[in-house]
């Protein structure tokens, strides 16, 4: 499936949209890391939770559930939240 990569993580992929596979969101992120080593750690912490500054949308709906089941036709967008003051 097609995954949209945020600008700060494009140093791993070299492009805005990449292909990845997985029956769950966690499996998809693991496949992304297989294809682009190091990218998963930037999105998932040591407790296997999605990092606070990362937002993941599946078909336009935000999710924080790594166990969320995916279909090959799903659209996944990874967004890095902005912070500052």
N, C-alpha and C. Protein backbone atom coordinates (compact mmCIF):
# COMPACT_ATOMS: atom_id res chain seq x y z
N UNK A 1 0.84 -1.18 0.00
CA UNK A 1 0.00 0.00 0.00
C UNK A 1 0.88 1.24 0.00
N UNK A 2 0.29 2.34 -0.40
CA UNK A 2 1.04 3.59 -0.46
C UNK A 2 1.03 4.28 0.90
N UNK A 3 2.19 4.77 1.31
CA UNK A 3 2.35 5.45 2.59
C UNK A 3 2.94 6.83 2.33
N UNK A 4 2.29 7.86 2.87
CA UNK A 4 2.81 9.21 2.76
C UNK A 4 3.79 9.45 3.90
N UNK A 5 4.98 9.92 3.57
CA UNK A 5 6.06 10.15 4.54
C UNK A 5 6.20 11.66 4.77
N UNK A 6 6.27 12.10 6.04
CA UNK A 6 6.43 13.53 6.31
C UNK A 6 7.84 14.01 5.94
N UNK A 7 7.94 15.27 5.66
CA UNK A 7 9.22 15.86 5.24
C UNK A 7 10.38 15.52 6.18
N UNK A 8 10.24 15.60 7.52
CA UNK A 8 11.38 15.30 8.39
C UNK A 8 11.89 13.86 8.28
N UNK A 9 11.07 12.93 7.79
CA UNK A 9 11.51 11.53 7.67
C UNK A 9 11.91 11.16 6.25
N UNK A 10 11.83 12.09 5.34
CA UNK A 10 12.18 11.79 3.94
C UNK A 10 13.67 11.58 3.73
N UNK A 11 14.47 11.93 4.73
CA UNK A 11 15.91 11.63 4.60
C UNK A 11 16.12 10.11 4.60
N UNK A 12 15.17 9.36 5.15
CA UNK A 12 15.24 7.90 5.14
C UNK A 12 14.78 7.33 3.80
N UNK A 13 13.72 7.92 3.23
CA UNK A 13 13.09 7.35 2.04
C UNK A 13 13.50 8.03 0.74
N UNK A 14 13.84 9.31 0.82
CA UNK A 14 14.17 10.05 -0.38
C UNK A 14 12.97 10.48 -1.20
N UNK A 15 11.76 10.19 -0.71
CA UNK A 15 10.56 10.58 -1.45
C UNK A 15 9.36 10.68 -0.51
N UNK A 16 8.32 11.35 -0.99
CA UNK A 16 7.13 11.63 -0.18
C UNK A 16 6.20 10.43 -0.06
N UNK A 17 6.17 9.57 -1.06
CA UNK A 17 5.28 8.41 -1.05
C UNK A 17 6.10 7.15 -1.30
N UNK A 18 5.86 6.13 -0.47
CA UNK A 18 6.58 4.87 -0.62
C UNK A 18 5.57 3.73 -0.52
N UNK A 19 5.98 2.56 -0.93
CA UNK A 19 5.17 1.35 -0.81
C UNK A 19 5.63 0.55 0.40
N UNK A 20 4.68 -0.04 1.10
CA UNK A 20 4.99 -0.93 2.22
C UNK A 20 3.84 -1.91 2.37
N UNK A 21 4.10 -2.99 3.09
CA UNK A 21 3.09 -4.03 3.29
C UNK A 21 2.95 -4.34 4.77
N UNK A 22 1.77 -4.82 5.14
CA UNK A 22 1.54 -5.25 6.52
C UNK A 22 0.07 -5.47 6.77
N UNK A 23 -0.23 -6.51 7.53
CA UNK A 23 -1.63 -6.80 7.88
C UNK A 23 -2.11 -5.94 9.03
N UNK A 24 -1.15 -5.37 9.79
CA UNK A 24 -1.46 -4.44 10.88
C UNK A 24 -0.59 -3.20 10.72
N UNK A 25 -0.93 -2.16 11.45
CA UNK A 25 -0.11 -0.95 11.41
C UNK A 25 1.30 -1.24 11.88
N UNK A 26 1.44 -2.05 12.94
CA UNK A 26 2.77 -2.41 13.44
C UNK A 26 3.58 -3.14 12.36
N UNK A 27 2.94 -4.07 11.67
CA UNK A 27 3.63 -4.81 10.61
C UNK A 27 4.03 -3.88 9.46
N UNK A 28 3.18 -2.91 9.17
CA UNK A 28 3.50 -1.93 8.13
C UNK A 28 4.73 -1.12 8.52
N UNK A 29 4.77 -0.65 9.78
CA UNK A 29 5.92 0.14 10.25
C UNK A 29 7.19 -0.71 10.27
N UNK A 30 7.06 -1.98 10.59
CA UNK A 30 8.21 -2.90 10.56
C UNK A 30 8.70 -3.08 9.13
N UNK A 31 7.77 -3.21 8.17
CA UNK A 31 8.15 -3.33 6.77
C UNK A 31 8.83 -2.05 6.27
N UNK A 32 8.32 -0.90 6.69
CA UNK A 32 8.98 0.36 6.34
C UNK A 32 10.42 0.37 6.85
N UNK A 33 10.62 -0.12 8.06
CA UNK A 33 11.97 -0.15 8.64
C UNK A 33 12.87 -1.13 7.90
N UNK A 34 12.30 -2.21 7.41
CA UNK A 34 13.09 -3.17 6.62
C UNK A 34 13.56 -2.50 5.32
N UNK A 35 12.68 -1.73 4.73
CA UNK A 35 13.00 -1.06 3.46
C UNK A 35 13.86 0.19 3.67
N UNK A 36 13.63 0.88 4.79
CA UNK A 36 14.32 2.14 5.10
C UNK A 36 14.82 2.07 6.54
N UNK A 37 15.94 1.41 6.77
CA UNK A 37 16.44 1.16 8.14
C UNK A 37 16.52 2.44 8.99
N UNK A 38 15.98 2.31 10.21
CA UNK A 38 16.03 3.40 11.17
C UNK A 38 14.77 4.23 11.24
N UNK A 39 13.90 4.14 10.25
CA UNK A 39 12.72 5.01 10.22
C UNK A 39 11.72 4.66 11.32
N UNK A 40 11.58 3.38 11.65
CA UNK A 40 10.59 2.97 12.66
C UNK A 40 10.89 3.58 14.02
N UNK A 41 12.15 3.63 14.40
CA UNK A 41 12.52 4.19 15.71
C UNK A 41 12.13 5.65 15.82
N UNK A 42 12.08 6.35 14.72
CA UNK A 42 11.67 7.75 14.73
C UNK A 42 10.16 7.90 14.96
N UNK A 43 9.40 6.79 14.76
CA UNK A 43 7.95 6.84 14.89
C UNK A 43 7.42 6.08 16.10
N UNK A 44 8.17 5.09 16.57
CA UNK A 44 7.71 4.20 17.64
C UNK A 44 8.75 4.21 18.76
N UNK A 45 8.28 4.36 20.01
CA UNK A 45 9.21 4.43 21.14
C UNK A 45 9.58 3.04 21.66
N UNK A 46 10.34 3.00 22.74
CA UNK A 46 10.84 1.75 23.32
C UNK A 46 9.72 0.89 23.91
N UNK A 47 8.57 1.50 24.20
CA UNK A 47 7.42 0.75 24.71
C UNK A 47 6.48 0.30 23.58
N UNK A 48 6.96 0.45 22.36
CA UNK A 48 6.22 0.06 21.15
C UNK A 48 4.94 0.89 20.97
N UNK A 49 4.98 2.13 21.44
CA UNK A 49 3.87 3.06 21.27
C UNK A 49 4.27 4.12 20.24
N UNK A 50 3.29 4.61 19.51
CA UNK A 50 3.56 5.67 18.54
C UNK A 50 4.00 6.92 19.31
N UNK A 51 5.09 7.52 18.88
CA UNK A 51 5.65 8.69 19.58
C UNK A 51 4.65 9.85 19.59
N UNK A 52 4.75 10.69 20.64
CA UNK A 52 3.82 11.81 20.84
C UNK A 52 3.74 12.75 19.65
N UNK A 53 4.84 12.99 18.98
CA UNK A 53 4.87 13.96 17.90
C UNK A 53 4.52 13.37 16.53
N UNK A 54 4.17 12.09 16.50
CA UNK A 54 3.81 11.43 15.25
C UNK A 54 2.30 11.19 15.23
N UNK A 55 1.69 11.51 14.12
CA UNK A 55 0.27 11.23 13.89
C UNK A 55 0.18 10.31 12.68
N UNK A 56 -0.61 9.26 12.82
CA UNK A 56 -0.79 8.33 11.71
C UNK A 56 -2.27 8.28 11.38
N UNK A 57 -2.57 8.44 10.10
CA UNK A 57 -3.94 8.43 9.61
C UNK A 57 -4.09 7.26 8.63
N UNK A 58 -5.16 6.51 8.81
CA UNK A 58 -5.50 5.42 7.89
C UNK A 58 -6.84 5.80 7.27
N UNK A 59 -6.82 5.98 5.96
CA UNK A 59 -8.03 6.42 5.24
C UNK A 59 -8.62 7.68 5.85
N UNK A 60 -7.75 8.59 6.28
CA UNK A 60 -8.19 9.88 6.81
C UNK A 60 -8.57 9.89 8.28
N UNK A 61 -8.50 8.74 8.95
CA UNK A 61 -8.86 8.65 10.37
C UNK A 61 -7.60 8.42 11.21
N UNK A 62 -7.40 9.28 12.21
CA UNK A 62 -6.22 9.15 13.06
C UNK A 62 -6.30 7.90 13.91
N UNK A 63 -5.16 7.23 14.07
CA UNK A 63 -5.10 6.05 14.92
C UNK A 63 -3.83 6.07 15.75
N UNK A 64 -3.93 5.50 16.94
CA UNK A 64 -2.77 5.32 17.81
C UNK A 64 -2.56 3.83 18.09
N UNK A 65 -3.33 2.98 17.41
CA UNK A 65 -3.37 1.55 17.67
C UNK A 65 -2.44 0.78 16.74
N UNK A 66 -1.27 0.33 17.23
CA UNK A 66 -0.36 -0.44 16.38
C UNK A 66 -0.97 -1.75 15.90
N UNK A 67 -1.99 -2.26 16.60
CA UNK A 67 -2.62 -3.53 16.22
C UNK A 67 -3.74 -3.36 15.19
N UNK A 68 -3.99 -2.12 14.76
CA UNK A 68 -5.04 -1.87 13.79
C UNK A 68 -4.80 -2.69 12.53
N UNK A 69 -5.82 -3.44 12.12
CA UNK A 69 -5.71 -4.25 10.91
C UNK A 69 -5.83 -3.37 9.68
N UNK A 70 -5.01 -3.66 8.68
CA UNK A 70 -4.99 -2.90 7.44
C UNK A 70 -5.39 -3.78 6.26
N UNK A 71 -5.92 -3.12 5.22
CA UNK A 71 -6.21 -3.79 3.96
C UNK A 71 -5.25 -3.22 2.91
N UNK A 72 -4.94 -4.00 1.88
CA UNK A 72 -4.02 -3.51 0.84
C UNK A 72 -4.48 -2.22 0.18
N UNK A 73 -5.77 -1.94 0.20
CA UNK A 73 -6.31 -0.74 -0.43
C UNK A 73 -6.28 0.49 0.47
N UNK A 74 -5.88 0.33 1.75
CA UNK A 74 -5.85 1.45 2.68
C UNK A 74 -4.80 2.48 2.29
N UNK A 75 -5.10 3.74 2.62
CA UNK A 75 -4.14 4.82 2.43
C UNK A 75 -3.63 5.23 3.81
N UNK A 76 -2.32 5.23 3.98
CA UNK A 76 -1.70 5.55 5.26
C UNK A 76 -0.89 6.84 5.10
N UNK A 77 -1.13 7.78 5.99
CA UNK A 77 -0.38 9.04 6.01
C UNK A 77 0.27 9.19 7.36
N UNK A 78 1.56 9.46 7.34
CA UNK A 78 2.32 9.71 8.57
C UNK A 78 2.60 11.21 8.60
N UNK A 79 2.27 11.83 9.71
CA UNK A 79 2.42 13.27 9.85
C UNK A 79 3.22 13.54 11.10
N UNK A 80 4.16 14.47 11.03
CA UNK A 80 4.90 14.87 12.22
C UNK A 80 4.29 16.14 12.75
N UNK A 81 3.81 16.11 14.00
CA UNK A 81 3.19 17.28 14.61
C UNK A 81 4.22 18.38 14.80
N UNK A 82 3.77 19.61 14.65
CA UNK A 82 4.64 20.76 14.87
C UNK A 82 4.54 21.18 16.31
N UNK A 83 5.64 21.68 16.85
CA UNK A 83 5.62 22.18 18.22
C UNK A 83 6.44 23.45 18.29
N UNK A 84 6.31 24.11 19.38
CA UNK A 84 7.06 25.35 19.54
C UNK A 84 6.18 26.39 20.23
N UNK A 85 6.69 27.59 20.29
CA UNK A 85 5.89 28.58 21.00
C UNK A 85 6.09 29.95 20.54
